[in-house]
Amino acid sequence: MFDSPYAVKVEKGKVYAWCTCGLSQKQPLCDGSHRDQGGQRSLKWTAPRTGTMYFCGCKKTQKPPLCDGSHNKI
């Protein structure tokens, strides 16, 4: 996992699969690595607008999949 956000260019209306387990080699997006571990699934998210969004890398956000600064909280 990564303790800062990932800048991702998104397109309005497109669905993105945010990795919730931290196993994906294509962070912050899911590559299906969780399937071998059982359990956790990706979080499907539809972009509300076109542009750059900041996806959480630490997986501690309270507003998934977007970063809320939780990585800075001690």
PDB file of N, CA and C in Angstrom:
ATOM      1  N   MET A   1       0.838  -1.172   0.000  1.00  0.00           N
ATOM      2  CA  MET A   1       0.000   0.000   0.000  1.00  0.00           C
ATOM      3  C   MET A   1       0.886   1.239   0.000  1.00  0.00           C
ATOM      4  N   PHE A   2       0.295   2.316  -0.373  1.00  0.00           N
ATOM      5  CA  PHE A   2       0.999   3.557  -0.612  1.00  0.00           C
ATOM      6  C   PHE A   2       0.395   4.627   0.278  1.00  0.00           C
ATOM      7  N   ASP A   3       1.225   5.356   1.017  1.00  0.00           N
ATOM      8  CA  ASP A   3       0.703   6.317   1.978  1.00  0.00           C
ATOM      9  C   ASP A   3       0.450   7.711   1.422  1.00  0.00           C
ATOM     10  N   SER A   4       0.087   7.791   0.180  1.00  0.00           N
ATOM     11  CA  SER A   4      -0.353   9.056  -0.407  1.00  0.00           C
ATOM     12  C   SER A   4      -1.303   8.724  -1.552  1.00  0.00           C
ATOM     13  N   PRO A   5      -2.051   9.704  -2.026  1.00  0.00           N
ATOM     14  CA  PRO A   5      -3.036   9.418  -3.073  1.00  0.00           C
ATOM     15  C   PRO A   5      -2.406   9.195  -4.445  1.00  0.00           C
ATOM     16  N   TYR A   6      -3.146   8.506  -5.283  1.00  0.00           N
ATOM     17  CA  TYR A   6      -2.772   8.289  -6.683  1.00  0.00           C
ATOM     18  C   TYR A   6      -3.606   9.239  -7.534  1.00  0.00           C
ATOM     19  N   ALA A   7      -2.963  10.002  -8.380  1.00  0.00           N
ATOM     20  CA  ALA A   7      -3.673  10.874  -9.319  1.00  0.00           C
ATOM     21  C   ALA A   7      -4.089  10.021 -10.513  1.00  0.00           C
ATOM     22  N   VAL A   8      -5.380   9.953 -10.773  1.00  0.00           N
ATOM     23  CA  VAL A   8      -5.906   9.123 -11.858  1.00  0.00           C
ATOM     24  C   VAL A   8      -6.778   9.993 -12.759  1.00  0.00           C
ATOM     25  N   LYS A   9      -6.488   9.961 -14.056  1.00  0.00           N
ATOM     26  CA  LYS A   9      -7.333  10.675 -15.014  1.00  0.00           C
ATOM     27  C   LYS A   9      -8.548   9.804 -15.279  1.00  0.00           C
ATOM     28  N   VAL A  10      -9.732  10.365 -15.041  1.00  0.00           N
ATOM     29  CA  VAL A  10     -10.977   9.617 -15.194  1.00  0.00           C
ATOM     30  C   VAL A  10     -11.878  10.296 -16.216  1.00  0.00           C
ATOM     31  N   GLU A  11     -12.810   9.514 -16.744  1.00  0.00           N
ATOM     32  CA  GLU A  11     -13.785  10.018 -17.707  1.00  0.00           C
ATOM     33  C   GLU A  11     -15.177   9.931 -17.105  1.00  0.00           C
ATOM     34  N   LYS A  12     -15.937  11.005 -17.232  1.00  0.00           N
ATOM     35  CA  LYS A  12     -17.293  11.063 -16.695  1.00  0.00           C
ATOM     36  C   LYS A  12     -18.117   9.868 -17.173  1.00  0.00           C
ATOM     37  N   GLY A  13     -18.783   9.196 -16.229  1.00  0.00           N
ATOM     38  CA  GLY A  13     -19.656   8.068 -16.535  1.00  0.00           C
ATOM     39  C   GLY A  13     -18.958   6.728 -16.626  1.00  0.00           C
ATOM     40  N   LYS A  14     -17.638   6.704 -16.669  1.00  0.00           N
ATOM     41  CA  LYS A  14     -16.904   5.439 -16.752  1.00  0.00           C
ATOM     42  C   LYS A  14     -16.794   4.829 -15.352  1.00  0.00           C
ATOM     43  N   VAL A  15     -16.912   3.495 -15.280  1.00  0.00           N
ATOM     44  CA  VAL A  15     -16.833   2.784 -14.012  1.00  0.00           C
ATOM     45  C   VAL A  15     -15.392   2.326 -13.785  1.00  0.00           C
ATOM     46  N   TYR A  16     -14.903   2.576 -12.591  1.00  0.00           N
ATOM     47  CA  TYR A  16     -13.547   2.187 -12.194  1.00  0.00           C
ATOM     48  C   TYR A  16     -13.646   1.224 -11.020  1.00  0.00           C
ATOM     49  N   ALA A  17     -12.733   0.280 -10.939  1.00  0.00           N
ATOM     50  CA  ALA A  17     -12.708  -0.696  -9.853  1.00  0.00           C
ATOM     51  C   ALA A  17     -11.505  -0.388  -8.966  1.00  0.00           C
ATOM     52  N   TRP A  18     -11.771   0.196  -7.800  1.00  0.00           N
ATOM     53  CA  TRP A  18     -10.723   0.563  -6.850  1.00  0.00           C
ATOM     54  C   TRP A  18     -10.334  -0.661  -6.025  1.00  0.00           C
ATOM     55  N   CYS A  19      -9.048  -0.906  -5.924  1.00  0.00           N
ATOM     56  CA  CYS A  19      -8.541  -2.030  -5.140  1.00  0.00           C
ATOM     57  C   CYS A  19      -8.760  -1.755  -3.659  1.00  0.00           C
ATOM     58  N   THR A  20      -9.418  -2.667  -2.954  1.00  0.00           N
ATOM     59  CA  THR A  20      -9.655  -2.513  -1.519  1.00  0.00           C
ATOM     60  C   THR A  20      -8.714  -3.367  -0.679  1.00  0.00           C
ATOM     61  N   CYS A  21      -8.035  -4.338  -1.308  1.00  0.00           N
ATOM     62  CA  CYS A  21      -7.217  -5.279  -0.544  1.00  0.00           C
ATOM     63  C   CYS A  21      -5.729  -4.925  -0.509  1.00  0.00           C
ATOM     64  N   GLY A  22      -5.272  -4.105  -1.444  1.00  0.00           N
ATOM     65  CA  GLY A  22      -3.863  -3.737  -1.494  1.00  0.00           C
ATOM     66  C   GLY A  22      -2.985  -4.709  -2.256  1.00  0.00           C
ATOM     67  N   LEU A  23      -3.566  -5.756  -2.840  1.00  0.00           N
ATOM     68  CA  LEU A  23      -2.781  -6.771  -3.541  1.00  0.00           C
ATOM     69  C   LEU A  23      -2.548  -6.466  -5.022  1.00  0.00           C
ATOM     70  N   SER A  24      -3.325  -5.583  -5.588  1.00  0.00           N
ATOM     71  CA  SER A  24      -3.234  -5.295  -7.020  1.00  0.00           C
ATOM     72  C   SER A  24      -1.868  -4.742  -7.405  1.00  0.00           C
ATOM     73  N   GLN A  25      -1.370  -5.188  -8.543  1.00  0.00           N
ATOM     74  CA  GLN A  25      -0.121  -4.668  -9.096  1.00  0.00           C
ATOM     75  C   GLN A  25      -0.382  -3.416  -9.929  1.00  0.00           C
ATOM     76  N   LYS A  26      -1.657  -3.043 -10.074  1.00  0.00           N
ATOM     77  CA  LYS A  26      -2.051  -1.872 -10.860  1.00  0.00           C
ATOM     78  C   LYS A  26      -2.716  -0.832  -9.975  1.00  0.00           C
ATOM     79  N   GLN A  27      -2.193  -0.641  -8.765  1.00  0.00           N
ATOM     80  CA  GLN A  27      -2.748   0.311  -7.810  1.00  0.00           C
ATOM     81  C   GLN A  27      -2.931   1.681  -8.446  1.00  0.00           C
ATOM     82  N   PRO A  28      -3.996   2.357  -8.117  1.00  0.00           N
ATOM     83  CA  PRO A  28      -4.980   2.050  -7.091  1.00  0.00           C
ATOM     84  C   PRO A  28      -6.142   1.219  -7.617  1.00  0.00           C
ATOM     85  N   LEU A  29      -6.056   0.798  -8.877  1.00  0.00           N
ATOM     86  CA  LEU A  29      -7.159   0.053  -9.487  1.00  0.00           C
ATOM     87  C   LEU A  29      -6.944  -1.444  -9.337  1.00  0.00           C
ATOM     88  N   CYS A  30      -8.032  -2.166  -9.352  1.00  0.00           N
ATOM     89  CA  CYS A  30      -8.030  -3.612  -9.155  1.00  0.00           C
ATOM     90  C   CYS A  30      -7.550  -4.354 -10.403  1.00  0.00           C
ATOM     91  N   ASP A  31      -6.728  -5.386 -10.182  1.00  0.00           N
ATOM     92  CA  ASP A  31      -6.316  -6.261 -11.276  1.00  0.00           C
ATOM     93  C   ASP A  31      -6.790  -7.691 -11.055  1.00  0.00           C
ATOM     94  N   GLY A  32      -7.635  -7.895 -10.031  1.00  0.00           N
ATOM     95  CA  GLY A  32      -8.189  -9.220  -9.747  1.00  0.00           C
ATOM     96  C   GLY A  32      -7.330 -10.071  -8.823  1.00  0.00           C
ATOM     97  N   SER A  33      -6.245  -9.533  -8.285  1.00  0.00           N
ATOM     98  CA  SER A  33      -5.352 -10.310  -7.414  1.00  0.00           C
ATOM     99  C   SER A  33      -6.058 -10.872  -6.188  1.00  0.00           C
ATOM    100  N   HIS A  34      -7.130 -10.219  -5.734  1.00  0.00           N
ATOM    101  CA  HIS A  34      -7.865 -10.672  -4.555  1.00  0.00           C
ATOM    102  C   HIS A  34      -8.520 -12.025  -4.770  1.00  0.00           C
ATOM    103  N   ARG A  35      -8.754 -12.388  -5.997  1.00  0.00           N
ATOM    104  CA  ARG A  35      -9.465 -13.650  -6.279  1.00  0.00           C
ATOM    105  C   ARG A  35      -8.715 -14.852  -5.730  1.00  0.00           C
ATOM    106  N   ASP A  36      -7.387 -14.811  -5.768  1.00  0.00           N
ATOM    107  CA  ASP A  36      -6.587 -15.921  -5.261  1.00  0.00           C
ATOM    108  C   ASP A  36      -6.570 -15.964  -3.734  1.00  0.00           C
ATOM    109  N   GLN A  37      -6.908 -14.855  -3.087  1.00  0.00           N
ATOM    110  CA  GLN A  37      -6.880 -14.760  -1.632  1.00  0.00           C
ATOM    111  C   GLN A  37      -8.245 -15.004  -1.000  1.00  0.00           C
ATOM    112  N   GLY A  38      -9.293 -14.952  -1.819  1.00  0.00           N
ATOM    113  CA  GLY A  38     -10.653 -15.108  -1.289  1.00  0.00           C
ATOM    114  C   GLY A  38     -11.052 -13.866  -0.513  1.00  0.00           C
ATOM    115  N   GLY A  39     -12.311 -13.635  -0.402  1.00  0.00           N
ATOM    116  CA  GLY A  39     -12.757 -12.516   0.420  1.00  0.00           C
ATOM    117  C   GLY A  39     -12.959 -11.213  -0.310  1.00  0.00           C
ATOM    118  N   GLN A  40     -12.136 -10.219   0.015  1.00  0.00           N
ATOM    119  CA  GLN A  40     -12.348  -8.847  -0.442  1.00  0.00           C
ATOM    120  C   GLN A  40     -12.578  -8.716  -1.929  1.00  0.00           C
ATOM    121  N   ARG A  41     -13.379  -7.714  -2.267  1.00  0.00           N
ATOM    122  CA  ARG A  41     -13.678  -7.398  -3.655  1.00  0.00           C
ATOM    123  C   ARG A  41     -13.301  -5.951  -3.914  1.00  0.00           C
ATOM    124  N   SER A  42     -13.252  -5.619  -5.175  1.00  0.00           N
ATOM    125  CA  SER A  42     -12.996  -4.223  -5.533  1.00  0.00           C
ATOM    126  C   SER A  42     -14.248  -3.390  -5.280  1.00  0.00           C
ATOM    127  N   LEU A  43     -14.058  -2.085  -5.217  1.00  0.00           N
ATOM    128  CA  LEU A  43     -15.170  -1.163  -5.057  1.00  0.00           C
ATOM    129  C   LEU A  43     -15.412  -0.507  -6.410  1.00  0.00           C
ATOM    130  N   LYS A  44     -16.606  -0.696  -6.944  1.00  0.00           N
ATOM    131  CA  LYS A  44     -16.968  -0.075  -8.226  1.00  0.00           C
ATOM    132  C   LYS A  44     -17.347   1.373  -7.977  1.00  0.00           C
ATOM    133  N   TRP A  45     -16.813   2.274  -8.798  1.00  0.00           N
ATOM    134  CA  TRP A  45     -17.034   3.710  -8.642  1.00  0.00           C
ATOM    135  C   TRP A  45     -17.209   4.329 -10.016  1.00  0.00           C
ATOM    136  N   THR A  46     -18.235   5.144 -10.179  1.00  0.00           N
ATOM    137  CA  THR A  46     -18.501   5.817 -11.451  1.00  0.00           C
ATOM    138  C   THR A  46     -18.050   7.274 -11.350  1.00  0.00           C
ATOM    139  N   ALA A  47     -17.209   7.672 -12.275  1.00  0.00           N
ATOM    140  CA  ALA A  47     -16.673   9.032 -12.270  1.00  0.00           C
ATOM    141  C   ALA A  47     -17.778  10.053 -12.507  1.00  0.00           C
ATOM    142  N   PRO A  48     -17.893  11.049 -11.621  1.00  0.00           N
ATOM    143  CA  PRO A  48     -18.936  12.060 -11.767  1.00  0.00           C
ATOM    144  C   PRO A  48     -18.578  13.139 -12.793  1.00  0.00           C
ATOM    145  N   ARG A  49     -17.290  13.196 -13.142  1.00  0.00           N
ATOM    146  CA  ARG A  49     -16.827  14.196 -14.105  1.00  0.00           C
ATOM    147  C   ARG A  49     -15.521  13.716 -14.731  1.00  0.00           C
ATOM    148  N   THR A  50     -15.133  14.325 -15.825  1.00  0.00           N
ATOM    149  CA  THR A  50     -13.854  14.034 -16.456  1.00  0.00           C
ATOM    150  C   THR A  50     -12.794  14.917 -15.813  1.00  0.00           C
ATOM    151  N   GLY A  51     -11.655  14.338 -15.533  1.00  0.00           N
ATOM    152  CA  GLY A  51     -10.557  15.094 -14.931  1.00  0.00           C
ATOM    153  C   GLY A  51      -9.696  14.194 -14.071  1.00  0.00           C
ATOM    154  N   THR A  52      -8.877  14.802 -13.253  1.00  0.00           N
ATOM    155  CA  THR A  52      -8.003  14.053 -12.355  1.00  0.00           C
ATOM    156  C   THR A  52      -8.654  13.938 -10.987  1.00  0.00           C
ATOM    157  N   MET A  53      -8.721  12.714 -10.497  1.00  0.00           N
ATOM    158  CA  MET A  53      -9.258  12.440  -9.167  1.00  0.00           C
ATOM    159  C   MET A  53      -8.131  11.767  -8.376  1.00  0.00           C
ATOM    160  N   TYR A  54      -8.167  11.920  -7.079  1.00  0.00           N
ATOM    161  CA  TYR A  54      -7.108  11.380  -6.235  1.00  0.00           C
ATOM    162  C   TYR A  54      -7.633  10.187  -5.444  1.00  0.00           C
ATOM    163  N   PHE A  55      -7.222   8.998  -5.897  1.00  0.00           N
ATOM    164  CA  PHE A  55      -7.651   7.745  -5.291  1.00  0.00           C
ATOM    165  C   PHE A  55      -6.764   7.415  -4.090  1.00  0.00           C
ATOM    166  N   CYS A  56      -7.384   6.915  -3.037  1.00  0.00           N
ATOM    167  CA  CYS A  56      -6.687   6.550  -1.815  1.00  0.00           C
ATOM    168  C   CYS A  56      -5.681   5.427  -2.078  1.00  0.00           C
ATOM    169  N   GLY A  57      -4.494   5.578  -1.509  1.00  0.00           N
ATOM    170  CA  GLY A  57      -3.475   4.541  -1.621  1.00  0.00           C
ATOM    171  C   GLY A  57      -3.297   3.762  -0.332  1.00  0.00           C
ATOM    172  N   CYS A  58      -3.641   4.362   0.810  1.00  0.00           N
ATOM    173  CA  CYS A  58      -3.416   3.700   2.099  1.00  0.00           C
ATOM    174  C   CYS A  58      -4.569   2.785   2.498  1.00  0.00           C
ATOM    175  N   LYS A  59      -5.708   2.917   1.820  1.00  0.00           N
ATOM    176  CA  LYS A  59      -6.915   2.117   2.074  1.00  0.00           C
ATOM    177  C   LYS A  59      -7.593   2.455   3.398  1.00  0.00           C
ATOM    178  N   LYS A  60      -7.245   3.598   4.006  1.00  0.00           N
ATOM    179  CA  LYS A  60      -7.839   4.006   5.277  1.00  0.00           C
ATOM    180  C   LYS A  60      -8.884   5.103   5.118  1.00  0.00           C
ATOM    181  N   THR A  61      -9.124   5.548   3.905  1.00  0.00           N
ATOM    182  CA  THR A  61     -10.065   6.634   3.660  1.00  0.00           C
ATOM    183  C   THR A  61     -11.456   6.327   4.198  1.00  0.00           C
ATOM    184  N   GLN A  62     -12.134   7.350   4.644  1.00  0.00           N
ATOM    185  CA  GLN A  62     -13.525   7.224   5.070  1.00  0.00           C
ATOM    186  C   GLN A  62     -14.464   7.588   3.929  1.00  0.00           C
ATOM    187  N   LYS A  63     -13.884   7.943   2.761  1.00  0.00           N
ATOM    188  CA  LYS A  63     -14.665   8.331   1.588  1.00  0.00           C
ATOM    189  C   LYS A  63     -14.183   7.565   0.359  1.00  0.00           C
ATOM    190  N   PRO A  64     -14.185   6.238   0.424  1.00  0.00           N
ATOM    191  CA  PRO A  64     -13.656   5.445  -0.684  1.00  0.00           C
ATOM    192  C   PRO A  64     -14.389   5.701  -1.992  1.00  0.00           C
ATOM    193  N   PRO A  65     -13.695   5.700  -3.096  1.00  0.00           N
ATOM    194  CA  PRO A  65     -12.287   5.360  -3.255  1.00  0.00           C
ATOM    195  C   PRO A  65     -11.356   6.564  -3.193  1.00  0.00           C
ATOM    196  N   LEU A  66     -11.903   7.735  -2.911  1.00  0.00           N
ATOM    197  CA  LEU A  66     -11.091   8.945  -2.972  1.00  0.00           C
ATOM    198  C   LEU A  66     -10.357   9.216  -1.662  1.00  0.00           C
ATOM    199  N   CYS A  67      -9.194   9.816  -1.779  1.00  0.00           N
ATOM    200  CA  CYS A  67      -8.371  10.149  -0.625  1.00  0.00           C
ATOM    201  C   CYS A  67      -9.039  11.223   0.218  1.00  0.00           C
ATOM    202  N   ASP A  68      -9.033  11.029   1.531  1.00  0.00           N
ATOM    203  CA  ASP A  68      -9.566  12.035   2.439  1.00  0.00           C
ATOM    204  C   ASP A  68      -8.493  12.530   3.418  1.00  0.00           C
ATOM    205  N   GLY A  69      -7.238  12.163   3.161  1.00  0.00           N
ATOM    206  CA  GLY A  69      -6.137  12.586   4.013  1.00  0.00           C
ATOM    207  C   GLY A  69      -5.894  11.691   5.203  1.00  0.00           C
ATOM    208  N   SER A  70      -6.548  10.536   5.274  1.00  0.00           N
ATOM    209  CA  SER A  70      -6.380   9.630   6.417  1.00  0.00           C
ATOM    210  C   SER A  70      -4.935   9.205   6.605  1.00  0.00           C
ATOM    211  N   HIS A  71      -4.157   9.158   5.542  1.00  0.00           N
ATOM    212  CA  HIS A  71      -2.762   8.744   5.651  1.00  0.00           C
ATOM    213  C   HIS A  71      -1.940   9.738   6.478  1.00  0.00           C
ATOM    214  N   ASN A  72      -2.458  10.961   6.654  1.00  0.00           N
ATOM    215  CA  ASN A  72      -1.760  11.990   7.437  1.00  0.00           C
ATOM    216  C   ASN A  72      -2.147  11.972   8.915  1.00  0.00           C
ATOM    217  N   LYS A  73      -3.186  11.232   9.239  1.00  0.00           N
ATOM    218  CA  LYS A  73      -3.683  11.200  10.616  1.00  0.00           C
ATOM    219  C   LYS A  73      -2.916  10.177  11.437  1.00  0.00           C
ATOM    220  N   ILE A  74      -2.530  10.581  12.612  1.00  0.00           N
ATOM    221  CA  ILE A  74      -1.764   9.679  13.481  1.00  0.00           C
ATOM    222  C   ILE A  74      -2.670   9.094  14.542  1.00  0.00           C
TER     223      ILE A  74
END
